[in-house]
Amino acid sequence: MKTKLTELLNIDFPLIMAPMFLVSNEAMIKAGMNSGIAATFPTLNYRNEGELEILLDALNEEKKKLSVNGTYGVNLIVQKTNPLYQKQLKICVAKKVPFYITSLGSPKQVIEQAHSYGAKVFCDVTNIEHAQKCFDLGCDGFIAVGQGAGGHAGSIPLQILVPSLQQNFPNTMVISAGGVATGAGILSMLALGAAGVSVGTRFIASTEATVNQEYKNAIIDSKMGDIVLTEKISGTPCNIINTPFAKKIGYKQNWFEKLLSNNSTTKKYFKMWVQISGMKKMEAAIKPGNYNSLWCAGQSVELINDIVSCTEIIARMKAETQKANLDLIQITK
């Protein structure tokens, strides 16, 4: 299947394995690459000295050996509150990462440095205003993060966001993100004008994911109504499974937290504290035997019923996309 995304990244199928904090790992990325898609991970999954360099070396070696057209990319949180941003960007540029996804801030520096050696940059956007800023900086495409996406989600349905981005930026590719777990979902996004689809939640319920079994079971057992938005993890609305612990800590910042978040003197340091605190809670929640469950997921949990390998998930999506396309052709006859 050829789209603008497959041509730009030289992949066989227009699918990005989305970057997932504390979930994405080397085995998942390699499985994606060997299945002919673009697989990504957040650099913040590798925070210890030397870890990121070792992984990037391994992925670059894997890419050389591929018998299919697959690739990998990284996700960078480009907010000033990310203390590892500058250091990790420097490492990624030195290792010549093929493409980047930027989140929660200005992508200016990433775009400049990535383009210096031919890498591509896609920017997470949730509205036209943010997309305009990224477009003006020269991004290669938008990740349209819509309603129901796992993690940091937008408020606009993809049925509106994707075509509106296409309308406003006709020469910039759009990749949809949120609410897709099947090939039929992929085809629907392509029909809207997306050049590809970013899928995350489906890959949490995979054999390669090293999160605890309780998290994987929760992905299978949860329904779309069990997904709620919280500001408690990072200060930015984030979709999680509505566990008892999530209910206990609440979903909204109180008046004092909002005051600290908006004050020009305190907001940088308070947001950093919120993010570090949320990160620690989530890190504890993926380990076995932890009852303070704080798990990111999107509304596509409704469509996930089993735990299989990443390779099997991708193969199913390819077959389902083809079947959905053939069924559509049959309907139109």
C-alpha atoms as a PDB file:
ATOM      1  CA  MET A   1       0.000   0.000   0.000  1.00  0.00           C
ATOM      2  CA  LYS A   2       1.467   3.308  -1.098  1.00  0.00           C
ATOM      3  CA  THR A   3       0.712   6.681   0.460  1.00  0.00           C
ATOM      4  CA  LYS A   4       2.702   9.871   0.958  1.00  0.00           C
ATOM      5  CA  LEU A   5       3.834   8.478   4.317  1.00  0.00           C
ATOM      6  CA  THR A   6       5.133   5.181   2.914  1.00  0.00           C
ATOM      7  CA  GLU A   7       7.033   7.075   0.225  1.00  0.00           C
ATOM      8  CA  LEU A   8       8.499   9.664   2.606  1.00  0.00           C
ATOM      9  CA  LEU A   9       9.720   7.121   5.181  1.00  0.00           C
ATOM     10  CA  ASN A  10      10.275   4.251   2.732  1.00  0.00           C
ATOM     11  CA  ILE A  11       8.013   1.792   4.553  1.00  0.00           C
ATOM     12  CA  ASP A  12       5.670  -0.889   3.214  1.00  0.00           C
ATOM     13  CA  PHE A  13       2.486  -0.015   5.095  1.00  0.00           C
ATOM     14  CA  PRO A  14       1.207   3.408   6.312  1.00  0.00           C
ATOM     15  CA  LEU A  15       1.304   2.597  10.002  1.00  0.00           C
ATOM     16  CA  ILE A  16       3.287   4.138  12.844  1.00  0.00           C
ATOM     17  CA  MET A  17       3.621   2.206  16.083  1.00  0.00           C
ATOM     18  CA  ALA A  18       3.023   5.159  18.388  1.00  0.00           C
ATOM     19  CA  PRO A  19       5.507   6.142  21.091  1.00  0.00           C
ATOM     20  CA  MET A  20       4.210   5.052  24.504  1.00  0.00           C
ATOM     21  CA  PHE A  21       5.780   6.197  27.744  1.00  0.00           C
ATOM     22  CA  LEU A  22       7.113   3.225  29.779  1.00  0.00           C
ATOM     23  CA  VAL A  23       5.675   0.764  27.236  1.00  0.00           C
ATOM     24  CA  SER A  24       7.629   1.075  23.964  1.00  0.00           C
ATOM     25  CA  ASN A  25      10.792  -1.039  24.033  1.00  0.00           C
ATOM     26  CA  GLU A  26      13.499  -2.463  21.787  1.00  0.00           C
ATOM     27  CA  ALA A  27      11.678  -5.730  21.025  1.00  0.00           C
ATOM     28  CA  MET A  28       8.521  -3.870  19.986  1.00  0.00           C
ATOM     29  CA  ILE A  29      10.447  -1.443  17.775  1.00  0.00           C
ATOM     30  CA  LYS A  30      12.334  -4.241  16.030  1.00  0.00           C
ATOM     31  CA  ALA A  31       9.122  -6.201  15.471  1.00  0.00           C
ATOM     32  CA  GLY A  32       7.575  -3.146  13.852  1.00  0.00           C
ATOM     33  CA  MET A  33      10.573  -2.482  11.644  1.00  0.00           C
ATOM     34  CA  ASN A  34      10.655  -6.106  10.500  1.00  0.00           C
ATOM     35  CA  SER A  35       6.949  -5.908   9.656  1.00  0.00           C
ATOM     36  CA  GLY A  36       7.474  -3.021   7.262  1.00  0.00           C
ATOM     37  CA  ILE A  37       6.119  -0.154   9.358  1.00  0.00           C
ATOM     38  CA  ALA A  38       7.558   2.819  11.251  1.00  0.00           C
ATOM     39  CA  ALA A  39       7.978   2.036  14.955  1.00  0.00           C
ATOM     40  CA  THR A  40       8.699   4.736  17.519  1.00  0.00           C
ATOM     41  CA  PHE A  41       9.511   5.204  21.185  1.00  0.00           C
ATOM     42  CA  PRO A  42       9.762   8.142  23.610  1.00  0.00           C
ATOM     43  CA  THR A  43      13.358   9.025  24.424  1.00  0.00           C
ATOM     44  CA  LEU A  44      12.230   9.438  28.045  1.00  0.00           C
ATOM     45  CA  ASN A  45      11.882   5.648  28.245  1.00  0.00           C
ATOM     46  CA  TYR A  46      15.712   5.606  28.328  1.00  0.00           C
ATOM     47  CA  ARG A  47      16.787   8.032  31.011  1.00  0.00           C
ATOM     48  CA  ASN A  48      19.865   6.323  32.464  1.00  0.00           C
ATOM     49  CA  GLU A  49      23.349   7.212  31.256  1.00  0.00           C
ATOM     50  CA  GLY A  50      24.273   5.424  28.022  1.00  0.00           C
ATOM     51  CA  GLU A  51      20.917   3.643  27.525  1.00  0.00           C
ATOM     52  CA  LEU A  52      19.675   5.743  24.625  1.00  0.00           C
ATOM     53  CA  GLU A  53      22.956   5.518  22.715  1.00  0.00           C
ATOM     54  CA  ILE A  54      23.038   1.717  23.060  1.00  0.00           C
ATOM     55  CA  LEU A  55      19.463   1.391  21.810  1.00  0.00           C
ATOM     56  CA  LEU A  56      19.965   3.688  18.821  1.00  0.00           C
ATOM     57  CA  ASP A  57      23.097   1.774  17.798  1.00  0.00           C
ATOM     58  CA  ALA A  58      21.108  -1.481  17.965  1.00  0.00           C
ATOM     59  CA  LEU A  59      18.230  -0.057  15.907  1.00  0.00           C
ATOM     60  CA  ASN A  60      20.572   1.362  13.278  1.00  0.00           C
ATOM     61  CA  GLU A  61      22.212  -2.066  12.949  1.00  0.00           C
ATOM     62  CA  GLU A  62      18.792  -3.716  12.711  1.00  0.00           C
ATOM     63  CA  LYS A  63      17.745  -1.304   9.985  1.00  0.00           C
ATOM     64  CA  LYS A  64      20.752  -2.301   7.885  1.00  0.00           C
ATOM     65  CA  LYS A  65      19.688  -5.980   8.027  1.00  0.00           C
ATOM     66  CA  LEU A  66      16.000  -5.542   7.167  1.00  0.00           C
ATOM     67  CA  SER A  67      14.552  -7.608   4.331  1.00  0.00           C
ATOM     68  CA  VAL A  68      11.508  -5.291   4.199  1.00  0.00           C
ATOM     69  CA  ASN A  69      11.049  -1.528   4.113  1.00  0.00           C
ATOM     70  CA  GLY A  70      10.748  -0.597   7.770  1.00  0.00           C
ATOM     71  CA  THR A  71      12.147   2.172   9.934  1.00  0.00           C
ATOM     72  CA  TYR A  72      12.115   3.711  13.391  1.00  0.00           C
ATOM     73  CA  GLY A  73      11.746   7.129  14.954  1.00  0.00           C
ATOM     74  CA  VAL A  74      11.827   8.832  18.329  1.00  0.00           C
ATOM     75  CA  ASN A  75       9.400  11.000  20.237  1.00  0.00           C
ATOM     76  CA  LEU A  76      10.780  14.051  22.009  1.00  0.00           C
ATOM     77  CA  ILE A  77       8.904  16.081  24.619  1.00  0.00           C
ATOM     78  CA  VAL A  78      10.124  19.523  23.598  1.00  0.00           C
ATOM     79  CA  GLN A  79       8.755  21.481  26.547  1.00  0.00           C
ATOM     80  CA  LYS A  80      11.266  23.434  28.624  1.00  0.00           C
ATOM     81  CA  THR A  81      10.110  21.332  31.578  1.00  0.00           C
ATOM     82  CA  ASN A  82      11.806  18.240  30.101  1.00  0.00           C
ATOM     83  CA  PRO A  83      15.278  18.348  31.685  1.00  0.00           C
ATOM     84  CA  LEU A  84      16.667  15.713  29.274  1.00  0.00           C
ATOM     85  CA  TYR A  85      15.437  17.340  26.063  1.00  0.00           C
ATOM     86  CA  GLN A  86      18.660  19.028  24.923  1.00  0.00           C
ATOM     87  CA  LYS A  87      20.888  16.117  25.861  1.00  0.00           C
ATOM     88  CA  GLN A  88      18.698  13.508  24.191  1.00  0.00           C
ATOM     89  CA  LEU A  89      18.212  15.580  21.036  1.00  0.00           C
ATOM     90  CA  LYS A  90      21.983  15.861  20.700  1.00  0.00           C
ATOM     91  CA  ILE A  91      22.341  12.072  21.004  1.00  0.00           C
ATOM     92  CA  CYS A  92      19.588  11.437  18.434  1.00  0.00           C
ATOM     93  CA  VAL A  93      21.148  13.818  15.928  1.00  0.00           C
ATOM     94  CA  ALA A  94      24.586  12.244  16.424  1.00  0.00           C
ATOM     95  CA  LYS A  95      23.087   8.778  15.775  1.00  0.00           C
ATOM     96  CA  LYS A  96      21.122  10.120  12.769  1.00  0.00           C
ATOM     97  CA  VAL A  97      17.655   9.002  13.846  1.00  0.00           C
ATOM     98  CA  PRO A  98      15.505   8.678  10.661  1.00  0.00           C
ATOM     99  CA  PHE A  99      12.517  10.689  11.905  1.00  0.00           C
ATOM    100  CA  TYR A 100      11.135  12.505  14.915  1.00  0.00           C
ATOM    101  CA  ILE A 101       7.758  13.110  16.520  1.00  0.00           C
ATOM    102  CA  THR A 102       7.617  16.214  18.706  1.00  0.00           C
ATOM    103  CA  SER A 103       5.129  16.819  21.533  1.00  0.00           C
ATOM    104  CA  LEU A 104       4.089  19.599  23.916  1.00  0.00           C
ATOM    105  CA  GLY A 105       6.184  22.549  22.806  1.00  0.00           C
ATOM    106  CA  SER A 106       7.984  24.322  19.979  1.00  0.00           C
ATOM    107  CA  PRO A 107       9.631  21.923  17.486  1.00  0.00           C
ATOM    108  CA  LYS A 108      11.909  24.632  16.064  1.00  0.00           C
ATOM    109  CA  GLN A 109      15.205  23.185  17.278  1.00  0.00           C
ATOM    110  CA  VAL A 110      14.306  19.612  16.351  1.00  0.00           C
ATOM    111  CA  ILE A 111      13.276  20.631  12.835  1.00  0.00           C
ATOM    112  CA  GLU A 112      16.474  22.593  12.261  1.00  0.00           C
ATOM    113  CA  GLN A 113      18.783  19.838  13.504  1.00  0.00           C
ATOM    114  CA  ALA A 114      16.894  16.933  11.919  1.00  0.00           C
ATOM    115  CA  HIS A 115      16.742  18.641   8.536  1.00  0.00           C
ATOM    116  CA  SER A 116      20.505  19.245   8.678  1.00  0.00           C
ATOM    117  CA  TYR A 117      21.039  15.570   7.828  1.00  0.00           C
ATOM    118  CA  GLY A 118      17.797  14.776   5.978  1.00  0.00           C
ATOM    119  CA  ALA A 119      15.654  13.385   8.806  1.00  0.00           C
ATOM    120  CA  LYS A 120      11.931  14.136   8.907  1.00  0.00           C
ATOM    121  CA  VAL A 121       9.888  15.730  11.682  1.00  0.00           C
ATOM    122  CA  PHE A 122       6.214  15.191  12.454  1.00  0.00           C
ATOM    123  CA  CYS A 123       4.551  17.339  15.110  1.00  0.00           C
ATOM    124  CA  ASP A 124       1.732  16.331  17.428  1.00  0.00           C
ATOM    125  CA  VAL A 125      -1.108  18.811  16.949  1.00  0.00           C
ATOM    126  CA  THR A 126      -4.609  18.980  18.379  1.00  0.00           C
ATOM    127  CA  ASN A 127      -5.905  22.088  16.606  1.00  0.00           C
ATOM    128  CA  ILE A 128      -5.314  24.384  13.639  1.00  0.00           C
ATOM    129  CA  GLU A 129      -3.580  27.084  15.695  1.00  0.00           C
ATOM    130  CA  HIS A 130      -0.806  24.771  16.894  1.00  0.00           C
ATOM    131  CA  ALA A 131      -0.536  23.239  13.427  1.00  0.00           C
ATOM    132  CA  GLN A 132       0.038  26.695  11.937  1.00  0.00           C
ATOM    133  CA  LYS A 133       2.987  27.308  14.249  1.00  0.00           C
ATOM    134  CA  CYS A 134       4.545  23.949  13.312  1.00  0.00           C
ATOM    135  CA  PHE A 135       3.897  24.557   9.619  1.00  0.00           C
ATOM    136  CA  ASP A 136       5.583  27.955   9.789  1.00  0.00           C
ATOM    137  CA  LEU A 137       8.665  26.270  11.299  1.00  0.00           C
ATOM    138  CA  GLY A 138       8.868  23.817   8.393  1.00  0.00           C
ATOM    139  CA  CYS A 139       7.640  20.496   9.802  1.00  0.00           C
ATOM    140  CA  ASP A 140       7.249  17.566   7.393  1.00  0.00           C
ATOM    141  CA  GLY A 141       3.831  16.529   8.658  1.00  0.00           C
ATOM    142  CA  PHE A 142       1.281  16.591  11.428  1.00  0.00           C
ATOM    143  CA  ILE A 143       0.298  13.863  13.867  1.00  0.00           C
ATOM    144  CA  ALA A 144      -3.378  14.749  14.277  1.00  0.00           C
ATOM    145  CA  VAL A 145      -4.069  13.719  17.874  1.00  0.00           C
ATOM    146  CA  GLY A 146      -7.812  13.433  18.195  1.00  0.00           C
ATOM    147  CA  GLN A 147     -10.479  12.696  20.729  1.00  0.00           C
ATOM    148  CA  GLY A 148     -10.061   9.298  22.357  1.00  0.00           C
ATOM    149  CA  ALA A 149      -6.322   8.948  21.804  1.00  0.00           C
ATOM    150  CA  GLY A 150      -4.278   7.355  24.570  1.00  0.00           C
ATOM    151  CA  GLY A 151      -1.986   9.592  26.620  1.00  0.00           C
ATOM    152  CA  HIS A 152      -2.068  13.307  25.753  1.00  0.00           C
ATOM    153  CA  ALA A 153      -5.241  13.577  23.699  1.00  0.00           C
ATOM    154  CA  GLY A 154      -7.031  16.267  21.761  1.00  0.00           C
ATOM    155  CA  SER A 155     -10.659  17.314  22.064  1.00  0.00           C
ATOM    156  CA  ILE A 156     -11.596  17.301  18.364  1.00  0.00           C
ATOM    157  CA  PRO A 157     -12.896  14.140  16.622  1.00  0.00           C
ATOM    158  CA  LEU A 158     -10.550  12.910  13.903  1.00  0.00           C
ATOM    159  CA  GLN A 159     -13.419  13.052  11.399  1.00  0.00           C
ATOM    160  CA  ILE A 160     -13.143  16.837  11.776  1.00  0.00           C
ATOM    161  CA  LEU A 161      -9.474  17.330  12.634  1.00  0.00           C
ATOM    162  CA  VAL A 162      -7.931  15.341   9.756  1.00  0.00           C
ATOM    163  CA  PRO A 163      -9.887  16.969   6.889  1.00  0.00           C
ATOM    164  CA  SER A 164      -9.584  20.438   8.451  1.00  0.00           C
ATOM    165  CA  LEU A 165      -5.788  20.059   8.570  1.00  0.00           C
ATOM    166  CA  GLN A 166      -5.865  18.863   4.952  1.00  0.00           C
ATOM    167  CA  GLN A 167      -7.972  21.861   3.988  1.00  0.00           C
ATOM    168  CA  ASN A 168      -5.762  24.400   5.746  1.00  0.00           C
ATOM    169  CA  PHE A 169      -2.417  22.807   4.815  1.00  0.00           C
ATOM    170  CA  PRO A 170      -3.034  20.955   1.518  1.00  0.00           C
ATOM    171  CA  ASN A 171       0.653  20.213   0.864  1.00  0.00           C
ATOM    172  CA  THR A 172       1.496  18.907   4.340  1.00  0.00           C
ATOM    173  CA  MET A 173       0.784  15.286   5.168  1.00  0.00           C
ATOM    174  CA  VAL A 174      -1.462  14.333   8.060  1.00  0.00           C
ATOM    175  CA  ILE A 175      -1.143  11.176  10.159  1.00  0.00           C
ATOM    176  CA  SER A 176      -4.150  10.412  12.343  1.00  0.00           C
ATOM    177  CA  ALA A 177      -3.736   9.323  15.965  1.00  0.00           C
ATOM    178  CA  GLY A 178      -6.453   8.019  18.238  1.00  0.00           C
ATOM    179  CA  GLY A 179      -9.253   5.483  18.284  1.00  0.00           C
ATOM    180  CA  VAL A 180      -7.850   2.965  15.786  1.00  0.00           C
ATOM    181  CA  ALA A 181      -7.116  -0.683  16.585  1.00  0.00           C
ATOM    182  CA  THR A 182      -8.190  -2.461  13.379  1.00  0.00           C
ATOM    183  CA  GLY A 183      -7.563  -2.374   9.663  1.00  0.00           C
ATOM    184  CA  ALA A 184     -11.048  -1.015   9.038  1.00  0.00           C
ATOM    185  CA  GLY A 185     -10.126   1.913  11.269  1.00  0.00           C
ATOM    186  CA  ILE A 186      -6.941   2.459   9.281  1.00  0.00           C
ATOM    187  CA  LEU A 187      -8.889   2.499   6.014  1.00  0.00           C
ATOM    188  CA  SER A 188     -11.383   4.985   7.444  1.00  0.00           C
ATOM    189  CA  MET A 189      -8.575   7.406   8.316  1.00  0.00           C
ATOM    190  CA  LEU A 190      -7.022   7.036   4.860  1.00  0.00           C
ATOM    191  CA  ALA A 191     -10.453   7.757   3.370  1.00  0.00           C
ATOM    192  CA  LEU A 192     -10.545  11.001   5.372  1.00  0.00           C
ATOM    193  CA  GLY A 193      -7.301  12.059   3.715  1.00  0.00           C
ATOM    194  CA  ALA A 194      -4.705  10.896   6.238  1.00  0.00           C
ATOM    195  CA  ALA A 195      -1.436   9.639   4.750  1.00  0.00           C
ATOM    196  CA  GLY A 196      -1.057   7.151   7.579  1.00  0.00           C
ATOM    197  CA  VAL A 197      -2.222   6.154  11.035  1.00  0.00           C
ATOM    198  CA  SER A 198      -0.451   6.148  14.398  1.00  0.00           C
ATOM    199  CA  VAL A 199      -1.598   3.318  16.694  1.00  0.00           C
ATOM    200  CA  GLY A 200      -0.533   2.907  20.318  1.00  0.00           C
ATOM    201  CA  THR A 201      -3.038   1.299  22.704  1.00  0.00           C
ATOM    202  CA  ARG A 202      -3.385  -1.904  20.648  1.00  0.00           C
ATOM    203  CA  PHE A 203       0.329  -2.619  21.116  1.00  0.00           C
ATOM    204  CA  ILE A 204       0.139  -2.460  24.919  1.00  0.00           C
ATOM    205  CA  ALA A 205      -1.648  -5.816  24.771  1.00  0.00           C
ATOM    206  CA  SER A 206       1.311  -7.489  23.058  1.00  0.00           C
ATOM    207  CA  THR A 207       3.683 -10.221  24.148  1.00  0.00           C
ATOM    208  CA  GLU A 208       6.688  -7.941  23.651  1.00  0.00           C
ATOM    209  CA  ALA A 209       5.389  -5.224  25.990  1.00  0.00           C
ATOM    210  CA  THR A 210       7.085  -5.639  29.367  1.00  0.00           C
ATOM    211  CA  VAL A 211       4.391  -3.932  31.458  1.00  0.00           C
ATOM    212  CA  ASN A 212       2.686  -6.028  34.132  1.00  0.00           C
ATOM    213  CA  GLN A 213      -0.063  -8.493  33.263  1.00  0.00           C
ATOM    214  CA  GLU A 214      -2.638  -6.398  35.128  1.00  0.00           C
ATOM    215  CA  TYR A 215      -2.105  -3.504  32.713  1.00  0.00           C
ATOM    216  CA  LYS A 216      -2.490  -5.792  29.694  1.00  0.00           C
ATOM    217  CA  ASN A 217      -5.624  -7.378  31.196  1.00  0.00           C
ATOM    218  CA  ALA A 218      -7.047  -3.919  31.832  1.00  0.00           C
ATOM    219  CA  ILE A 219      -6.597  -3.063  28.136  1.00  0.00           C
ATOM    220  CA  ILE A 220      -8.617  -6.167  27.214  1.00  0.00           C
ATOM    221  CA  ASP A 221     -11.277  -5.785  29.912  1.00  0.00           C
ATOM    222  CA  SER A 222     -11.874  -2.023  29.628  1.00  0.00           C
ATOM    223  CA  LYS A 223     -14.493  -0.410  27.429  1.00  0.00           C
ATOM    224  CA  MET A 224     -14.457   3.016  25.815  1.00  0.00           C
ATOM    225  CA  GLY A 225     -16.490   4.416  28.699  1.00  0.00           C
ATOM    226  CA  ASP A 226     -13.703   3.445  31.101  1.00  0.00           C
ATOM    227  CA  ILE A 227     -11.293   5.973  29.572  1.00  0.00           C
ATOM    228  CA  VAL A 228     -11.125   9.352  31.316  1.00  0.00           C
ATOM    229  CA  LEU A 229      -9.105  12.545  30.899  1.00  0.00           C
ATOM    230  CA  THR A 230      -6.885  13.612  33.776  1.00  0.00           C
ATOM    231  CA  GLU A 231      -4.699  16.664  34.391  1.00  0.00           C
ATOM    232  CA  LYS A 232      -2.993  15.021  37.351  1.00  0.00           C
ATOM    233  CA  ILE A 233      -0.186  13.234  35.481  1.00  0.00           C
ATOM    234  CA  SER A 234       1.467  16.047  33.547  1.00  0.00           C
ATOM    235  CA  GLY A 235      -0.759  19.094  33.802  1.00  0.00           C
ATOM    236  CA  THR A 236      -1.890  18.481  30.205  1.00  0.00           C
ATOM    237  CA  PRO A 237      -5.115  16.463  29.603  1.00  0.00           C
ATOM    238  CA  CYS A 238      -4.180  12.792  29.343  1.00  0.00           C
ATOM    239  CA  ASN A 239      -6.379   9.742  28.703  1.00  0.00           C
ATOM    240  CA  ILE A 240      -6.103   6.929  31.243  1.00  0.00           C
ATOM    241  CA  ILE A 241      -8.087   3.901  32.408  1.00  0.00           C
ATOM    242  CA  ASN A 242     -10.467   4.873  35.190  1.00  0.00           C
ATOM    243  CA  THR A 243      -9.004   2.675  37.934  1.00  0.00           C
ATOM    244  CA  PRO A 244      -9.840   3.065  41.645  1.00  0.00           C
ATOM    245  CA  PHE A 245      -6.495   4.849  42.140  1.00  0.00           C
ATOM    246  CA  ALA A 246      -7.278   7.275  39.300  1.00  0.00           C
ATOM    247  CA  LYS A 247     -10.598   8.070  40.969  1.00  0.00           C
ATOM    248  CA  LYS A 248      -8.861   8.544  44.315  1.00  0.00           C
ATOM    249  CA  ILE A 249      -6.351  11.139  43.112  1.00  0.00           C
ATOM    250  CA  GLY A 250      -8.944  12.904  40.951  1.00  0.00           C
ATOM    251  CA  TYR A 251      -8.846  14.233  37.413  1.00  0.00           C
ATOM    252  CA  LYS A 252      -8.635  18.009  37.771  1.00  0.00           C
ATOM    253  CA  GLN A 253      -6.042  20.282  39.315  1.00  0.00           C
ATOM    254  CA  ASN A 254      -7.329  22.229  42.306  1.00  0.00           C
ATOM    255  CA  TRP A 255      -7.381  26.032  42.369  1.00  0.00           C
ATOM    256  CA  PHE A 256      -3.956  26.286  43.976  1.00  0.00           C
ATOM    257  CA  GLU A 257      -2.360  23.903  41.457  1.00  0.00           C
ATOM    258  CA  LYS A 258      -3.918  25.887  38.612  1.00  0.00           C
ATOM    259  CA  LEU A 259      -2.552  29.079  40.121  1.00  0.00           C
ATOM    260  CA  LEU A 260       0.975  27.642  40.216  1.00  0.00           C
ATOM    261  CA  SER A 261       0.567  26.277  36.662  1.00  0.00           C
ATOM    262  CA  ASN A 262      -0.366  29.674  35.261  1.00  0.00           C
ATOM    263  CA  ASN A 263       1.905  31.969  37.256  1.00  0.00           C
ATOM    264  CA  SER A 264       4.814  33.182  35.102  1.00  0.00           C
ATOM    265  CA  THR A 265       7.266  32.753  37.983  1.00  0.00           C
ATOM    266  CA  THR A 266       6.231  29.285  39.149  1.00  0.00           C
ATOM    267  CA  LYS A 267       4.722  27.513  36.132  1.00  0.00           C
ATOM    268  CA  LYS A 268       7.940  26.023  34.715  1.00  0.00           C
ATOM    269  CA  TYR A 269       9.032  24.498  38.013  1.00  0.00           C
ATOM    270  CA  PHE A 270       5.558  23.442  39.111  1.00  0.00           C
ATOM    271  CA  LYS A 271       4.854  21.741  35.785  1.00  0.00           C
ATOM    272  CA  MET A 272       8.206  19.993  36.047  1.00  0.00           C
ATOM    273  CA  TRP A 273       7.289  18.762  39.524  1.00  0.00           C
ATOM    274  CA  VAL A 274       3.860  17.566  38.302  1.00  0.00           C
ATOM    275  CA  GLN A 275       5.450  15.679  35.408  1.00  0.00           C
ATOM    276  CA  ILE A 276       8.139  14.046  37.546  1.00  0.00           C
ATOM    277  CA  SER A 277       5.573  13.095  40.176  1.00  0.00           C
ATOM    278  CA  GLY A 278       3.222  11.658  37.538  1.00  0.00           C
ATOM    279  CA  MET A 279       6.101   9.837  35.879  1.00  0.00           C
ATOM    280  CA  LYS A 280       7.021   8.133  39.151  1.00  0.00           C
ATOM    281  CA  LYS A 281       3.418   7.058  39.788  1.00  0.00           C
ATOM    282  CA  MET A 282       3.117   5.596  36.285  1.00  0.00           C
ATOM    283  CA  GLU A 283       6.487   3.868  36.546  1.00  0.00           C
ATOM    284  CA  ALA A 284       5.388   2.183  39.763  1.00  0.00           C
ATOM    285  CA  ALA A 285       2.044   1.207  38.209  1.00  0.00           C
ATOM    286  CA  ILE A 286       3.556  -0.942  35.426  1.00  0.00           C
ATOM    287  CA  LYS A 287       5.427  -3.165  37.898  1.00  0.00           C
ATOM    288  CA  PRO A 288       3.908  -6.439  39.190  1.00  0.00           C
ATOM    289  CA  GLY A 289       1.980  -6.301  42.458  1.00  0.00           C
ATOM    290  CA  ASN A 290       1.351  -2.550  42.464  1.00  0.00           C
ATOM    291  CA  TYR A 291      -2.217  -1.611  43.376  1.00  0.00           C
ATOM    292  CA  ASN A 292      -1.930   2.107  42.640  1.00  0.00           C
ATOM    293  CA  SER A 293      -2.842   1.584  39.005  1.00  0.00           C
ATOM    294  CA  LEU A 294      -2.311   4.588  36.744  1.00  0.00           C
ATOM    295  CA  TRP A 295      -2.393   3.348  33.165  1.00  0.00           C
ATOM    296  CA  CYS A 296      -2.541   5.337  29.918  1.00  0.00           C
ATOM    297  CA  ALA A 297      -4.863   4.034  27.207  1.00  0.00           C
ATOM    298  CA  GLY A 298      -7.189   5.273  24.481  1.00  0.00           C
ATOM    299  CA  GLN A 299     -10.829   4.542  23.727  1.00  0.00           C
ATOM    300  CA  SER A 300      -9.787   1.853  21.233  1.00  0.00           C
ATOM    301  CA  VAL A 301      -9.634  -0.528  24.236  1.00  0.00           C
ATOM    302  CA  GLU A 302     -13.228  -1.243  23.206  1.00  0.00           C
ATOM    303  CA  LEU A 303     -11.883  -3.179  20.190  1.00  0.00           C
ATOM    304  CA  ILE A 304      -8.992  -5.084  21.828  1.00  0.00           C
ATOM    305  CA  ASN A 305      -9.689  -8.657  22.900  1.00  0.00           C
ATOM    306  CA  ASP A 306      -6.410 -10.561  23.129  1.00  0.00           C
ATOM    307  CA  ILE A 307      -2.678 -10.449  23.777  1.00  0.00           C
ATOM    308  CA  VAL A 308      -0.582 -11.448  20.767  1.00  0.00           C
ATOM    309  CA  SER A 309       2.796 -10.500  19.298  1.00  0.00           C
ATOM    310  CA  CYS A 310       3.401  -7.144  17.631  1.00  0.00           C
ATOM    311  CA  THR A 311       4.113  -9.041  14.421  1.00  0.00           C
ATOM    312  CA  GLU A 312       0.674 -10.685  14.596  1.00  0.00           C
ATOM    313  CA  ILE A 313      -1.050  -7.383  15.384  1.00  0.00           C
ATOM    314  CA  ILE A 314       0.507  -5.720  12.340  1.00  0.00           C
ATOM    315  CA  ALA A 315      -0.242  -8.708  10.078  1.00  0.00           C
ATOM    316  CA  ARG A 316      -3.882  -8.602  11.179  1.00  0.00           C
ATOM    317  CA  MET A 317      -4.110  -4.884  10.515  1.00  0.00           C
ATOM    318  CA  LYS A 318      -2.720  -5.320   7.023  1.00  0.00           C
ATOM    319  CA  ALA A 319      -5.177  -8.126   6.246  1.00  0.00           C
ATOM    320  CA  GLU A 320      -8.102  -6.243   7.807  1.00  0.00           C
ATOM    321  CA  THR A 321      -7.306  -3.109   5.808  1.00  0.00           C
ATOM    322  CA  GLN A 322      -7.271  -5.093   2.582  1.00  0.00           C
ATOM    323  CA  LYS A 323     -10.539  -6.852   3.464  1.00  0.00           C
ATOM    324  CA  ALA A 324     -12.224  -3.587   4.445  1.00  0.00           C
ATOM    325  CA  ASN A 325     -11.144  -2.071   1.137  1.00  0.00           C
ATOM    326  CA  LEU A 326     -12.507  -5.029  -0.837  1.00  0.00           C
ATOM    327  CA  ASP A 327     -15.768  -4.922   1.135  1.00  0.00           C
ATOM    328  CA  LEU A 328     -16.096  -1.214   0.350  1.00  0.00           C
ATOM    329  CA  ILE A 329     -15.534  -1.840  -3.347  1.00  0.00           C
ATOM    330  CA  GLN A 330     -18.212  -4.543  -3.213  1.00  0.00           C
ATOM    331  CA  ILE A 331     -20.682  -2.161  -1.564  1.00  0.00           C
ATOM    332  CA  THR A 332     -20.149   0.501  -4.215  1.00  0.00           C
ATOM    333  CA  LYS A 333     -20.787  -1.884  -7.133  1.00  0.00           C
END
